[in-house]
Amino acid sequence: MLKSTQFGDVTEIRMGRSLDGETVLYWVAAYLIDGILVDTGCDYSKKELADFLEGKHVSVIINTHYHEDHVGGNALLAKRFGLSALAHSETIHLMSRKHNLYPFQVEIWGYPDPSTTIPIGTSVKEGDVNLHVIETLGHCRGHISLFEEKRRILFSGDTWVGERPKTARVEEDVHQLISDLKKFELEPKIMFASLGKAVTEPQQVIKRTRVYLEETRDEIRCLHSQGKSPEQILEELFGRESVLASATQHQLSTKIFVESFLREM
């Protein structure tokens, strides 16, 4: 399923797999601005995306990172439109091969076809748009975000997914996420997140998220210094494990979130 919404110069393209034609398992988003396409969604929605982009004069793809819900349309768009994809140099080899995915990933997003990617520089210019590349490595290695200074537009990828996160992935570095959010304090007027969220007051939202993570870090460290285990800290601060843990074969959980704050920076 695919839905598009216009926000000034930016076309938000929300996509996801629907099993009944109405309910989407998990929305992801691509964004189109002056011929630049930021991310390409998952494998299940790649044909809808390609059909939607017919006549849109897309010139280049930028992938914020290598995860299967962000690169699923790369190979088809390259074949149909001859589009090149740009990404962080650390992720190019990851996009060029097939990964072993967990069952929940296959169910929701599917296997992306391997694709060829070109190392991105410090900025990407197309027409009147100049996207500055920001290394934001907390979510995963090779993750980037993009900032259009003239329009004050921020594309955050998966660096920001909500104001009060309570889960983390195995490969996430929460200390780095806090540092990444500090890089976002650029006075953006609007922020586009990978879940298909257009945040219209991003400065306040980014600050509240960073402060929440810093305060949570301090609470977790304090409880740990008292000899409490990650399981005990989880129960005291969050009450119980997230339902996402069992749904994702424990690849996304509150326990991982707690443990990530106890790693050395």
C-alpha atoms as a PDB file:
ATOM      1  CA  MET A   1       0.000   0.000   0.000  1.00  0.00           C
ATOM      2  CA  LEU A   2       1.207   3.522  -0.783  1.00  0.00           C
ATOM      3  CA  LYS A   3      -0.028   6.951   0.264  1.00  0.00           C
ATOM      4  CA  SER A   4       1.502  10.321  -0.603  1.00  0.00           C
ATOM      5  CA  THR A   5       1.214  13.717   1.086  1.00  0.00           C
ATOM      6  CA  GLN A   6       2.683  17.037  -0.016  1.00  0.00           C
ATOM      7  CA  PHE A   7       4.549  19.236   2.484  1.00  0.00           C
ATOM      8  CA  GLY A   8       5.726  22.274   0.540  1.00  0.00           C
ATOM      9  CA  ASP A   9       8.585  21.117  -1.695  1.00  0.00           C
ATOM     10  CA  VAL A  10       8.646  17.631  -0.136  1.00  0.00           C
ATOM     11  CA  THR A  11       6.493  14.688  -1.202  1.00  0.00           C
ATOM     12  CA  GLU A  12       6.100  12.200   1.624  1.00  0.00           C
ATOM     13  CA  ILE A  13       5.568   8.655   0.307  1.00  0.00           C
ATOM     14  CA  ARG A  14       4.329   6.271   3.008  1.00  0.00           C
ATOM     15  CA  MET A  15       4.491   2.583   2.169  1.00  0.00           C
ATOM     16  CA  GLY A  16       3.936  -0.775   3.782  1.00  0.00           C
ATOM     17  CA  ARG A  17       2.766  -4.321   3.348  1.00  0.00           C
ATOM     18  CA  SER A  18      -0.966  -4.833   3.676  1.00  0.00           C
ATOM     19  CA  LEU A  19      -2.375  -8.335   4.041  1.00  0.00           C
ATOM     20  CA  ASP A  20      -6.030  -7.289   3.772  1.00  0.00           C
ATOM     21  CA  GLY A  21      -5.821  -4.231   1.523  1.00  0.00           C
ATOM     22  CA  GLU A  22      -6.583  -1.901   4.437  1.00  0.00           C
ATOM     23  CA  THR A  23      -4.270  -2.478   7.388  1.00  0.00           C
ATOM     24  CA  VAL A  24      -0.541  -1.826   6.990  1.00  0.00           C
ATOM     25  CA  LEU A  25       1.743  -3.897   9.193  1.00  0.00           C
ATOM     26  CA  TYR A  26       4.345  -1.134   9.569  1.00  0.00           C
ATOM     27  CA  TRP A  27       4.599   2.149   7.710  1.00  0.00           C
ATOM     28  CA  VAL A  28       7.910   3.347   6.317  1.00  0.00           C
ATOM     29  CA  ALA A  29       8.503   6.457   4.248  1.00  0.00           C
ATOM     30  CA  ALA A  30      10.494   7.758   1.323  1.00  0.00           C
ATOM     31  CA  TYR A  31      10.750  11.456   0.552  1.00  0.00           C
ATOM     32  CA  LEU A  32      11.038  13.199  -2.792  1.00  0.00           C
ATOM     33  CA  ILE A  33      12.448  16.709  -3.088  1.00  0.00           C
ATOM     34  CA  ASP A  34      13.420  18.270  -6.433  1.00  0.00           C
ATOM     35  CA  GLY A  35      14.385  14.977  -8.066  1.00  0.00           C
ATOM     36  CA  ILE A  36      16.152  13.523  -5.023  1.00  0.00           C
ATOM     37  CA  LEU A  37      14.530  10.439  -3.496  1.00  0.00           C
ATOM     38  CA  VAL A  38      15.456   9.753   0.132  1.00  0.00           C
ATOM     39  CA  ASP A  39      15.114   5.984   0.786  1.00  0.00           C
ATOM     40  CA  THR A  40      13.027   3.489  -1.196  1.00  0.00           C
ATOM     41  CA  GLY A  41      10.919   1.573   1.335  1.00  0.00           C
ATOM     42  CA  CYS A  42      10.623  -2.206   1.529  1.00  0.00           C
ATOM     43  CA  ASP A  43      10.518  -5.001  -1.024  1.00  0.00           C
ATOM     44  CA  TYR A  44       6.758  -5.486  -0.744  1.00  0.00           C
ATOM     45  CA  SER A  45       6.005  -1.925  -1.897  1.00  0.00           C
ATOM     46  CA  LYS A  46       8.717  -1.522  -4.545  1.00  0.00           C
ATOM     47  CA  LYS A  47       6.428  -1.876  -7.574  1.00  0.00           C
ATOM     48  CA  GLU A  48       3.911   0.624  -6.177  1.00  0.00           C
ATOM     49  CA  LEU A  49       6.765   3.047  -5.556  1.00  0.00           C
ATOM     50  CA  ALA A  50       8.135   2.617  -9.074  1.00  0.00           C
ATOM     51  CA  ASP A  51       4.676   3.173 -10.572  1.00  0.00           C
ATOM     52  CA  PHE A  52       4.166   6.259  -8.418  1.00  0.00           C
ATOM     53  CA  LEU A  53       7.477   7.754  -9.552  1.00  0.00           C
ATOM     54  CA  GLU A  54       6.647   7.494 -13.266  1.00  0.00           C
ATOM     55  CA  GLY A  55       6.915  10.988 -14.731  1.00  0.00           C
ATOM     56  CA  LYS A  56       8.280  12.488 -11.496  1.00  0.00           C
ATOM     57  CA  HIS A  57      11.769  13.080 -13.015  1.00  0.00           C
ATOM     58  CA  VAL A  58      13.708  11.475 -10.190  1.00  0.00           C
ATOM     59  CA  SER A  59      17.450  11.850 -10.741  1.00  0.00           C
ATOM     60  CA  VAL A  60      19.125  10.150  -7.760  1.00  0.00           C
ATOM     61  CA  ILE A  61      18.442   8.025  -4.674  1.00  0.00           C
ATOM     62  CA  ILE A  62      19.959   8.637  -1.250  1.00  0.00           C
ATOM     63  CA  ASN A  63      19.762   5.805   1.271  1.00  0.00           C
ATOM     64  CA  THR A  64      19.952   6.859   4.905  1.00  0.00           C
ATOM     65  CA  HIS A  65      21.139   3.338   5.805  1.00  0.00           C
ATOM     66  CA  TYR A  66      21.199  -0.267   4.654  1.00  0.00           C
ATOM     67  CA  HIS A  67      18.231  -1.763   6.536  1.00  0.00           C
ATOM     68  CA  GLU A  68      15.680  -3.721   4.514  1.00  0.00           C
ATOM     69  CA  ASP A  69      12.858  -1.199   5.025  1.00  0.00           C
ATOM     70  CA  HIS A  70      14.924   1.583   3.437  1.00  0.00           C
ATOM     71  CA  VAL A  71      16.507  -0.020   0.373  1.00  0.00           C
ATOM     72  CA  GLY A  72      13.784  -2.360  -0.880  1.00  0.00           C
ATOM     73  CA  GLY A  73      13.113  -0.394  -4.055  1.00  0.00           C
ATOM     74  CA  ASN A  74      16.721   0.332  -5.029  1.00  0.00           C
ATOM     75  CA  ALA A  75      17.240  -2.488  -7.529  1.00  0.00           C
ATOM     76  CA  LEU A  76      13.895  -2.039  -9.308  1.00  0.00           C
ATOM     77  CA  LEU A  77      14.311   1.739  -9.571  1.00  0.00           C
ATOM     78  CA  ALA A  78      17.796   1.252 -10.999  1.00  0.00           C
ATOM     79  CA  LYS A  79      16.426  -1.194 -13.581  1.00  0.00           C
ATOM     80  CA  ARG A  80      13.366   0.832 -14.568  1.00  0.00           C
ATOM     81  CA  PHE A  81      14.748   4.379 -14.425  1.00  0.00           C
ATOM     82  CA  GLY A  82      18.514   3.909 -14.416  1.00  0.00           C
ATOM     83  CA  LEU A  83      18.765   5.567 -11.014  1.00  0.00           C
ATOM     84  CA  SER A  84      21.977   5.548  -9.020  1.00  0.00           C
ATOM     85  CA  ALA A  85      21.859   5.244  -5.239  1.00  0.00           C
ATOM     86  CA  LEU A  86      24.165   7.121  -2.872  1.00  0.00           C
ATOM     87  CA  ALA A  87      24.959   5.980   0.669  1.00  0.00           C
ATOM     88  CA  HIS A  88      27.615   6.030   3.371  1.00  0.00           C
ATOM     89  CA  SER A  89      30.731   4.137   2.280  1.00  0.00           C
ATOM     90  CA  GLU A  90      30.440   1.712   5.233  1.00  0.00           C
ATOM     91  CA  THR A  91      27.107   0.384   3.988  1.00  0.00           C
ATOM     92  CA  ILE A  92      27.812  -0.175   0.291  1.00  0.00           C
ATOM     93  CA  HIS A  93      28.984  -3.765   0.733  1.00  0.00           C
ATOM     94  CA  LEU A  94      25.966  -4.454   2.958  1.00  0.00           C
ATOM     95  CA  MET A  95      23.558  -3.378   0.214  1.00  0.00           C
ATOM     96  CA  SER A  96      25.313  -5.459  -2.421  1.00  0.00           C
ATOM     97  CA  ARG A  97      24.415  -8.809  -0.846  1.00  0.00           C
ATOM     98  CA  LYS A  98      21.483 -10.652   0.660  1.00  0.00           C
ATOM     99  CA  HIS A  99      21.262 -10.777   4.460  1.00  0.00           C
ATOM    100  CA  ASN A 100      19.832 -13.359   6.807  1.00  0.00           C
ATOM    101  CA  LEU A 101      16.667 -11.792   8.213  1.00  0.00           C
ATOM    102  CA  TYR A 102      14.573 -12.753  11.215  1.00  0.00           C
ATOM    103  CA  PRO A 103      11.020 -14.012  10.566  1.00  0.00           C
ATOM    104  CA  PHE A 104       9.436 -10.716  11.645  1.00  0.00           C
ATOM    105  CA  GLN A 105      11.589  -8.820   9.136  1.00  0.00           C
ATOM    106  CA  VAL A 106      10.599 -11.154   6.316  1.00  0.00           C
ATOM    107  CA  GLU A 107       6.918 -10.888   7.271  1.00  0.00           C
ATOM    108  CA  ILE A 108       6.841  -7.080   7.463  1.00  0.00           C
ATOM    109  CA  TRP A 109       9.418  -5.926   4.891  1.00  0.00           C
ATOM    110  CA  GLY A 110      10.719  -8.847   2.861  1.00  0.00           C
ATOM    111  CA  TYR A 111      14.148  -9.433   1.338  1.00  0.00           C
ATOM    112  CA  PRO A 112      15.486  -6.498  -0.704  1.00  0.00           C
ATOM    113  CA  ASP A 113      17.273  -7.361  -3.914  1.00  0.00           C
ATOM    114  CA  PRO A 114      21.000  -6.558  -3.744  1.00  0.00           C
ATOM    115  CA  SER A 115      21.795  -3.183  -5.262  1.00  0.00           C
ATOM    116  CA  THR A 116      24.793  -1.178  -6.411  1.00  0.00           C
ATOM    117  CA  THR A 117      25.500   1.950  -4.385  1.00  0.00           C
ATOM    118  CA  ILE A 118      27.925   4.862  -4.788  1.00  0.00           C
ATOM    119  CA  PRO A 119      29.697   6.512  -1.820  1.00  0.00           C
ATOM    120  CA  ILE A 120      27.998   9.764  -0.886  1.00  0.00           C
ATOM    121  CA  GLY A 121      30.022  12.917  -0.360  1.00  0.00           C
ATOM    122  CA  THR A 122      29.403  15.731   2.097  1.00  0.00           C
ATOM    123  CA  SER A 123      26.400  17.059   0.194  1.00  0.00           C
ATOM    124  CA  VAL A 124      24.068  16.298  -2.700  1.00  0.00           C
ATOM    125  CA  LYS A 125      22.899  19.155  -4.935  1.00  0.00           C
ATOM    126  CA  GLU A 126      20.080  18.931  -7.420  1.00  0.00           C
ATOM    127  CA  GLY A 127      18.447  22.018  -8.887  1.00  0.00           C
ATOM    128  CA  ASP A 128      17.711  24.430  -6.061  1.00  0.00           C
ATOM    129  CA  VAL A 129      18.168  21.793  -3.343  1.00  0.00           C
ATOM    130  CA  ASN A 130      21.410  21.184  -1.475  1.00  0.00           C
ATOM    131  CA  LEU A 131      21.265  18.358   1.078  1.00  0.00           C
ATOM    132  CA  HIS A 132      24.098  18.349   3.606  1.00  0.00           C
ATOM    133  CA  VAL A 133      25.093  14.899   4.883  1.00  0.00           C
ATOM    134  CA  ILE A 134      25.243  14.384   8.658  1.00  0.00           C
ATOM    135  CA  GLU A 135      26.836  11.214  10.061  1.00  0.00           C
ATOM    136  CA  THR A 136      24.395   9.829  12.622  1.00  0.00           C
ATOM    137  CA  LEU A 137      25.759   6.423  13.522  1.00  0.00           C
ATOM    138  CA  GLY A 138      23.726   5.623  16.644  1.00  0.00           C
ATOM    139  CA  HIS A 139      20.999   3.628  14.919  1.00  0.00           C
ATOM    140  CA  CYS A 140      23.470   1.533  12.927  1.00  0.00           C
ATOM    141  CA  ARG A 141      26.835   1.773  11.213  1.00  0.00           C
ATOM    142  CA  GLY A 142      26.829   3.968   8.141  1.00  0.00           C
ATOM    143  CA  HIS A 143      23.596   5.782   9.039  1.00  0.00           C
ATOM    144  CA  ILE A 144      23.256   9.322   7.697  1.00  0.00           C
ATOM    145  CA  SER A 145      20.737  12.128   8.030  1.00  0.00           C
ATOM    146  CA  LEU A 146      20.248  15.047   5.650  1.00  0.00           C
ATOM    147  CA  PHE A 147      19.702  18.772   6.165  1.00  0.00           C
ATOM    148  CA  GLU A 148      18.549  21.319   3.582  1.00  0.00           C
ATOM    149  CA  GLU A 149      19.764  24.597   5.046  1.00  0.00           C
ATOM    150  CA  LYS A 150      17.895  27.014   2.791  1.00  0.00           C
ATOM    151  CA  ARG A 151      14.504  25.465   3.563  1.00  0.00           C
ATOM    152  CA  ARG A 152      15.504  24.271   7.063  1.00  0.00           C
ATOM    153  CA  ILE A 153      14.359  20.723   6.270  1.00  0.00           C
ATOM    154  CA  LEU A 154      15.764  17.745   8.197  1.00  0.00           C
ATOM    155  CA  PHE A 155      15.502  14.120   7.045  1.00  0.00           C
ATOM    156  CA  SER A 156      16.299  12.135  10.178  1.00  0.00           C
ATOM    157  CA  GLY A 157      16.164   8.547   8.927  1.00  0.00           C
ATOM    158  CA  ASP A 158      15.884   6.247  11.958  1.00  0.00           C
ATOM    159  CA  THR A 159      17.837   8.524  14.290  1.00  0.00           C
ATOM    160  CA  TRP A 160      14.554   9.922  15.598  1.00  0.00           C
ATOM    161  CA  VAL A 161      11.527   7.608  15.858  1.00  0.00           C
ATOM    162  CA  GLY A 162       9.675   9.106  18.825  1.00  0.00           C
ATOM    163  CA  GLU A 163      10.047  11.408  21.830  1.00  0.00           C
ATOM    164  CA  ARG A 164      10.217   8.730  24.529  1.00  0.00           C
ATOM    165  CA  PRO A 165      11.665   5.508  23.096  1.00  0.00           C
ATOM    166  CA  LYS A 166      11.653   2.512  25.420  1.00  0.00           C
ATOM    167  CA  THR A 167      13.192  -0.094  23.128  1.00  0.00           C
ATOM    168  CA  ALA A 168      16.411  -0.463  21.189  1.00  0.00           C
ATOM    169  CA  ARG A 169      17.866  -2.776  18.568  1.00  0.00           C
ATOM    170  CA  VAL A 170      20.870  -4.974  19.234  1.00  0.00           C
ATOM    171  CA  GLU A 171      23.161  -2.882  17.016  1.00  0.00           C
ATOM    172  CA  GLU A 172      22.049   0.521  18.324  1.00  0.00           C
ATOM    173  CA  ASP A 173      24.360   2.721  20.383  1.00  0.00           C
ATOM    174  CA  VAL A 174      22.188   4.897  22.604  1.00  0.00           C
ATOM    175  CA  HIS A 175      25.136   7.047  23.714  1.00  0.00           C
ATOM    176  CA  GLN A 176      25.753   7.860  20.057  1.00  0.00           C
ATOM    177  CA  LEU A 177      22.046   8.529  19.497  1.00  0.00           C
ATOM    178  CA  ILE A 178      22.230  11.263  22.128  1.00  0.00           C
ATOM    179  CA  SER A 179      25.207  12.765  20.304  1.00  0.00           C
ATOM    180  CA  ASP A 180      23.349  12.450  17.004  1.00  0.00           C
ATOM    181  CA  LEU A 181      20.375  14.385  18.376  1.00  0.00           C
ATOM    182  CA  LYS A 182      22.739  17.192  19.378  1.00  0.00           C
ATOM    183  CA  LYS A 183      23.781  17.392  15.722  1.00  0.00           C
ATOM    184  CA  PHE A 184      20.102  18.007  14.862  1.00  0.00           C
ATOM    185  CA  GLU A 185      19.989  21.282  16.789  1.00  0.00           C
ATOM    186  CA  LEU A 186      20.230  23.231  13.522  1.00  0.00           C
ATOM    187  CA  GLU A 187      16.959  25.158  13.885  1.00  0.00           C
ATOM    188  CA  PRO A 188      15.042  23.016  11.359  1.00  0.00           C
ATOM    189  CA  LYS A 189      11.517  24.123  10.517  1.00  0.00           C
ATOM    190  CA  ILE A 190      10.302  20.608   9.734  1.00  0.00           C
ATOM    191  CA  MET A 191      11.691  17.120  10.288  1.00  0.00           C
ATOM    192  CA  PHE A 192      10.782  14.049   8.242  1.00  0.00           C
ATOM    193  CA  ALA A 193      11.281  10.722  10.019  1.00  0.00           C
ATOM    194  CA  SER A 194      11.489   7.306   8.427  1.00  0.00           C
ATOM    195  CA  LEU A 195       8.191   6.107   9.911  1.00  0.00           C
ATOM    196  CA  GLY A 196       6.310   8.706   7.906  1.00  0.00           C
ATOM    197  CA  LYS A 197       6.118  11.332  10.609  1.00  0.00           C
ATOM    198  CA  ALA A 198       6.311  15.001   9.644  1.00  0.00           C
ATOM    199  CA  VAL A 199       7.363  16.868  12.787  1.00  0.00           C
ATOM    200  CA  THR A 200       6.391  20.533  12.496  1.00  0.00           C
ATOM    201  CA  GLU A 201       8.072  21.744  15.705  1.00  0.00           C
ATOM    202  CA  PRO A 202      11.296  19.767  15.461  1.00  0.00           C
ATOM    203  CA  GLN A 203      13.541  21.939  17.619  1.00  0.00           C
ATOM    204  CA  GLN A 204      11.437  21.366  20.726  1.00  0.00           C
ATOM    205  CA  VAL A 205      10.824  17.703  19.910  1.00  0.00           C
ATOM    206  CA  ILE A 206      14.520  16.976  19.346  1.00  0.00           C
ATOM    207  CA  LYS A 207      15.471  18.679  22.606  1.00  0.00           C
ATOM    208  CA  ARG A 208      12.794  16.844  24.601  1.00  0.00           C
ATOM    209  CA  THR A 209      13.942  13.520  23.154  1.00  0.00           C
ATOM    210  CA  ARG A 210      17.586  14.209  23.959  1.00  0.00           C
ATOM    211  CA  VAL A 211      16.795  15.334  27.527  1.00  0.00           C
ATOM    212  CA  TYR A 212      14.615  12.250  28.078  1.00  0.00           C
ATOM    213  CA  LEU A 213      17.430   9.958  26.924  1.00  0.00           C
ATOM    214  CA  GLU A 214      19.988  11.761  29.094  1.00  0.00           C
ATOM    215  CA  GLU A 215      17.743  11.577  32.164  1.00  0.00           C
ATOM    216  CA  THR A 216      16.984   7.905  31.484  1.00  0.00           C
ATOM    217  CA  ARG A 217      20.706   7.206  31.133  1.00  0.00           C
ATOM    218  CA  ASP A 218      21.399   8.837  34.500  1.00  0.00           C
ATOM    219  CA  GLU A 219      18.602   6.885  36.216  1.00  0.00           C
ATOM    220  CA  ILE A 220      19.801   3.589  34.787  1.00  0.00           C
ATOM    221  CA  ARG A 221      23.392   4.246  35.789  1.00  0.00           C
ATOM    222  CA  CYS A 222      22.315   5.245  39.298  1.00  0.00           C
ATOM    223  CA  LEU A 223      20.285   2.063  39.779  1.00  0.00           C
ATOM    224  CA  HIS A 224      23.116  -0.027  38.340  1.00  0.00           C
ATOM    225  CA  SER A 225      25.572   1.542  40.801  1.00  0.00           C
ATOM    226  CA  GLN A 226      23.264   0.293  43.562  1.00  0.00           C
ATOM    227  CA  GLY A 227      23.859  -3.256  42.352  1.00  0.00           C
ATOM    228  CA  LYS A 228      20.616  -3.714  40.433  1.00  0.00           C
ATOM    229  CA  SER A 229      20.574  -5.941  37.361  1.00  0.00           C
ATOM    230  CA  PRO A 230      19.252  -4.854  33.949  1.00  0.00           C
ATOM    231  CA  GLU A 231      16.115  -6.933  34.617  1.00  0.00           C
ATOM    232  CA  GLN A 232      15.520  -5.157  37.936  1.00  0.00           C
ATOM    233  CA  ILE A 233      16.136  -1.761  36.372  1.00  0.00           C
ATOM    234  CA  LEU A 234      13.703  -2.577  33.571  1.00  0.00           C
ATOM    235  CA  GLU A 235      10.997  -3.495  36.072  1.00  0.00           C
ATOM    236  CA  GLU A 236      11.561  -0.406  38.231  1.00  0.00           C
ATOM    237  CA  LEU A 237      11.642   2.136  35.397  1.00  0.00           C
ATOM    238  CA  PHE A 238       9.364   0.599  32.772  1.00  0.00           C
ATOM    239  CA  GLY A 239       7.234  -1.958  34.606  1.00  0.00           C
ATOM    240  CA  ARG A 240       7.555  -4.744  32.053  1.00  0.00           C
ATOM    241  CA  GLU A 241       9.194  -5.783  28.835  1.00  0.00           C
ATOM    242  CA  SER A 242       7.808  -4.312  25.618  1.00  0.00           C
ATOM    243  CA  VAL A 243       5.431  -6.474  23.586  1.00  0.00           C
ATOM    244  CA  LEU A 244       7.792  -5.787  20.679  1.00  0.00           C
ATOM    245  CA  ALA A 245      10.366  -8.118  22.218  1.00  0.00           C
ATOM    246  CA  SER A 246       8.433 -11.317  21.554  1.00  0.00           C
ATOM    247  CA  ALA A 247       7.128  -9.987  18.219  1.00  0.00           C
ATOM    248  CA  THR A 248      10.679  -9.355  16.978  1.00  0.00           C
ATOM    249  CA  GLN A 249      12.369 -12.484  18.331  1.00  0.00           C
ATOM    250  CA  HIS A 250      13.915 -10.210  20.994  1.00  0.00           C
ATOM    251  CA  GLN A 251      15.828  -8.135  18.455  1.00  0.00           C
ATOM    252  CA  LEU A 252      14.008  -4.996  19.642  1.00  0.00           C
ATOM    253  CA  SER A 253      13.379  -4.782  23.365  1.00  0.00           C
ATOM    254  CA  THR A 254      13.373  -2.699  26.520  1.00  0.00           C
ATOM    255  CA  LYS A 255      16.054  -4.923  28.020  1.00  0.00           C
ATOM    256  CA  ILE A 256      18.383  -4.054  25.145  1.00  0.00           C
ATOM    257  CA  PHE A 257      17.476  -0.393  25.692  1.00  0.00           C
ATOM    258  CA  VAL A 258      18.520  -0.634  29.365  1.00  0.00           C
ATOM    259  CA  GLU A 259      21.671  -2.606  28.620  1.00  0.00           C
ATOM    260  CA  SER A 260      22.738  -0.148  25.934  1.00  0.00           C
ATOM    261  CA  PHE A 261      23.081   2.603  28.535  1.00  0.00           C
ATOM    262  CA  LEU A 262      25.394   0.389  30.601  1.00  0.00           C
ATOM    263  CA  ARG A 263      27.900  -0.075  27.791  1.00  0.00           C
ATOM    264  CA  GLU A 264      31.044   1.972  27.888  1.00  0.00           C
ATOM    265  CA  MET A 265      30.927   5.064  25.703  1.00  0.00           C
END
